[in-house]
N, C-alpha and C. Protein backbone atom coordinates (compact mmCIF):
# COMPACT_ATOMS: atom_id res chain seq x y z
N MET A 1 -10.03 -23.10 35.01
CA MET A 1 -10.93 -22.75 33.93
C MET A 1 -12.05 -23.79 33.86
N LYS A 2 -13.26 -23.32 33.64
CA LYS A 2 -14.40 -24.22 33.55
C LYS A 2 -14.37 -25.01 32.26
N GLU A 3 -14.75 -26.27 32.37
CA GLU A 3 -14.85 -27.11 31.18
C GLU A 3 -16.14 -26.80 30.45
N LYS A 4 -16.05 -26.60 29.15
CA LYS A 4 -17.25 -26.36 28.35
C LYS A 4 -17.95 -27.69 28.11
N VAL A 5 -19.27 -27.67 28.27
CA VAL A 5 -20.06 -28.87 28.05
C VAL A 5 -21.30 -28.53 27.23
N ILE A 6 -21.85 -29.55 26.64
CA ILE A 6 -23.13 -29.45 25.96
C ILE A 6 -24.14 -30.14 26.87
N ALA A 7 -25.21 -29.44 27.23
CA ALA A 7 -26.22 -30.00 28.11
C ALA A 7 -27.43 -30.42 27.30
N ILE A 8 -27.86 -31.66 27.49
CA ILE A 8 -29.04 -32.20 26.83
C ILE A 8 -30.03 -32.63 27.91
N PHE A 9 -31.24 -32.09 27.83
CA PHE A 9 -32.31 -32.52 28.72
C PHE A 9 -33.17 -33.51 27.95
N ASP A 10 -33.24 -34.73 28.45
CA ASP A 10 -34.05 -35.80 27.85
C ASP A 10 -35.31 -35.94 28.71
N ILE A 11 -36.41 -35.39 28.22
CA ILE A 11 -37.65 -35.39 28.99
C ILE A 11 -38.55 -36.50 28.46
N GLY A 12 -38.42 -37.68 29.05
CA GLY A 12 -39.24 -38.82 28.66
C GLY A 12 -40.47 -38.92 29.54
N LYS A 13 -41.31 -39.89 29.25
CA LYS A 13 -42.54 -40.07 30.02
C LYS A 13 -42.24 -40.46 31.46
N THR A 14 -41.32 -41.39 31.65
CA THR A 14 -41.04 -41.89 33.00
C THR A 14 -39.86 -41.18 33.65
N ASN A 15 -38.77 -41.01 32.92
CA ASN A 15 -37.55 -40.44 33.48
C ASN A 15 -37.19 -39.14 32.78
N LYS A 16 -36.63 -38.24 33.54
CA LYS A 16 -36.10 -36.99 33.01
C LYS A 16 -34.59 -37.04 33.27
N LYS A 17 -33.80 -36.80 32.24
CA LYS A 17 -32.35 -36.90 32.39
C LYS A 17 -31.68 -35.61 31.94
N LEU A 18 -30.55 -35.36 32.55
CA LEU A 18 -29.64 -34.30 32.13
C LEU A 18 -28.32 -34.97 31.81
N VAL A 19 -27.91 -34.87 30.55
CA VAL A 19 -26.66 -35.50 30.10
C VAL A 19 -25.72 -34.39 29.65
N LEU A 20 -24.49 -34.42 30.15
CA LEU A 20 -23.47 -33.44 29.76
C LEU A 20 -22.42 -34.12 28.90
N PHE A 21 -22.10 -33.48 27.78
CA PHE A 21 -21.09 -33.98 26.86
C PHE A 21 -19.96 -32.97 26.79
N ASN A 22 -18.72 -33.48 26.58
CA ASN A 22 -17.59 -32.57 26.37
C ASN A 22 -17.46 -32.26 24.89
N ASP A 23 -16.41 -31.55 24.50
CA ASP A 23 -16.21 -31.17 23.10
C ASP A 23 -16.02 -32.37 22.18
N ASP A 24 -15.58 -33.49 22.73
CA ASP A 24 -15.39 -34.71 21.95
C ASP A 24 -16.65 -35.57 21.93
N LEU A 25 -17.74 -35.02 22.45
CA LEU A 25 -19.05 -35.69 22.52
C LEU A 25 -19.02 -36.95 23.38
N LYS A 26 -18.15 -36.95 24.38
CA LYS A 26 -18.11 -38.03 25.37
C LYS A 26 -18.95 -37.60 26.56
N VAL A 27 -19.69 -38.54 27.13
CA VAL A 27 -20.53 -38.24 28.28
C VAL A 27 -19.65 -37.90 29.47
N VAL A 28 -19.86 -36.71 30.03
CA VAL A 28 -19.12 -36.25 31.20
C VAL A 28 -19.92 -36.54 32.47
N SER A 29 -21.23 -36.39 32.38
CA SER A 29 -22.10 -36.57 33.53
C SER A 29 -23.50 -36.91 33.05
N GLU A 30 -24.19 -37.72 33.84
CA GLU A 30 -25.59 -38.05 33.54
C GLU A 30 -26.35 -38.15 34.85
N THR A 31 -27.41 -37.38 34.97
CA THR A 31 -28.26 -37.44 36.16
C THR A 31 -29.68 -37.73 35.73
N GLU A 32 -30.39 -38.42 36.58
CA GLU A 32 -31.76 -38.81 36.28
C GLU A 32 -32.68 -38.31 37.40
N GLN A 33 -33.84 -37.85 37.01
CA GLN A 33 -34.81 -37.35 37.97
C GLN A 33 -36.17 -37.94 37.63
N LYS A 34 -36.92 -38.31 38.65
CA LYS A 34 -38.28 -38.80 38.45
C LYS A 34 -39.24 -37.85 39.15
N PHE A 35 -40.35 -37.57 38.50
CA PHE A 35 -41.37 -36.69 39.04
C PHE A 35 -42.70 -37.43 39.07
N GLY A 36 -43.43 -37.20 40.12
CA GLY A 36 -44.76 -37.79 40.20
C GLY A 36 -45.70 -37.10 39.22
N GLU A 37 -46.71 -37.84 38.78
CA GLU A 37 -47.67 -37.26 37.86
C GLU A 37 -48.77 -36.53 38.63
N ILE A 38 -49.42 -35.62 37.94
CA ILE A 38 -50.57 -34.91 38.47
C ILE A 38 -51.73 -35.13 37.52
N LYS A 39 -52.89 -34.65 37.88
CA LYS A 39 -54.04 -34.77 36.99
C LYS A 39 -54.31 -33.42 36.34
N ASP A 40 -54.65 -33.47 35.05
CA ASP A 40 -54.96 -32.23 34.33
C ASP A 40 -56.41 -31.83 34.61
N ASP A 41 -56.87 -30.78 33.95
CA ASP A 41 -58.22 -30.26 34.18
C ASP A 41 -59.32 -31.27 33.86
N ASP A 42 -59.00 -32.24 33.00
CA ASP A 42 -59.97 -33.26 32.62
C ASP A 42 -59.83 -34.54 33.44
N GLY A 43 -58.90 -34.54 34.40
CA GLY A 43 -58.71 -35.69 35.28
C GLY A 43 -57.74 -36.74 34.75
N PHE A 44 -57.03 -36.43 33.68
CA PHE A 44 -56.06 -37.37 33.12
C PHE A 44 -54.68 -37.17 33.77
N GLU A 45 -53.96 -38.28 33.93
CA GLU A 45 -52.60 -38.22 34.45
C GLU A 45 -51.70 -37.47 33.47
N CYS A 46 -50.84 -36.60 33.99
CA CYS A 46 -49.92 -35.86 33.13
C CYS A 46 -48.70 -35.45 33.94
N ASP A 47 -47.66 -34.99 33.23
CA ASP A 47 -46.45 -34.52 33.90
C ASP A 47 -46.71 -33.19 34.59
N ASN A 48 -46.00 -32.97 35.68
CA ASN A 48 -46.07 -31.70 36.38
C ASN A 48 -45.08 -30.75 35.71
N ILE A 49 -45.55 -30.02 34.72
CA ILE A 49 -44.69 -29.17 33.90
C ILE A 49 -43.99 -28.11 34.75
N GLU A 50 -44.67 -27.54 35.72
CA GLU A 50 -44.06 -26.51 36.56
C GLU A 50 -42.88 -27.07 37.34
N LEU A 51 -43.01 -28.28 37.85
CA LEU A 51 -41.92 -28.91 38.59
C LEU A 51 -40.76 -29.25 37.67
N ILE A 52 -41.05 -29.74 36.48
CA ILE A 52 -40.00 -30.05 35.51
C ILE A 52 -39.28 -28.78 35.08
N GLU A 53 -40.05 -27.71 34.84
CA GLU A 53 -39.45 -26.43 34.46
C GLU A 53 -38.52 -25.92 35.55
N HIS A 54 -38.94 -26.05 36.80
CA HIS A 54 -38.11 -25.63 37.93
C HIS A 54 -36.82 -26.45 37.98
N TRP A 55 -36.91 -27.76 37.76
CA TRP A 55 -35.73 -28.63 37.75
C TRP A 55 -34.76 -28.22 36.66
N ILE A 56 -35.27 -27.92 35.46
CA ILE A 56 -34.40 -27.50 34.36
C ILE A 56 -33.68 -26.20 34.71
N LYS A 57 -34.42 -25.21 35.22
CA LYS A 57 -33.81 -23.93 35.56
C LYS A 57 -32.76 -24.08 36.65
N GLU A 58 -33.08 -24.85 37.69
CA GLU A 58 -32.12 -25.07 38.79
C GLU A 58 -30.89 -25.82 38.29
N SER A 59 -31.08 -26.78 37.40
CA SER A 59 -29.95 -27.51 36.83
C SER A 59 -29.03 -26.58 36.06
N LEU A 60 -29.59 -25.69 35.29
CA LEU A 60 -28.79 -24.73 34.51
C LEU A 60 -28.05 -23.76 35.43
N ILE A 61 -28.69 -23.34 36.51
CA ILE A 61 -28.03 -22.47 37.48
C ILE A 61 -26.84 -23.19 38.11
N ARG A 62 -27.04 -24.46 38.51
CA ARG A 62 -25.95 -25.24 39.10
C ARG A 62 -24.80 -25.42 38.11
N LEU A 63 -25.14 -25.62 36.84
CA LEU A 63 -24.09 -25.79 35.82
C LEU A 63 -23.28 -24.52 35.64
N SER A 64 -23.92 -23.38 35.76
CA SER A 64 -23.20 -22.12 35.55
C SER A 64 -22.18 -21.87 36.66
N PHE A 65 -22.36 -22.50 37.82
CA PHE A 65 -21.41 -22.34 38.92
C PHE A 65 -20.43 -23.49 39.00
N ARG A 66 -20.51 -24.40 38.08
CA ARG A 66 -19.67 -25.59 38.07
C ARG A 66 -18.27 -25.27 37.64
């Protein structure tokens, strides 16, 4: 039987994390991902939202098969 977890995505400026908690709110797993910045339409550095969105979706898919 699959263990039920609570998934929290922590999307910070430098690091993006996925933290999984069990029913007792103990950390079961923690992974960290770093993404390079891109420039927006005005030439300012910003997060690559499309890449982060893809990472979130892929992480959720992997969790569903866990």
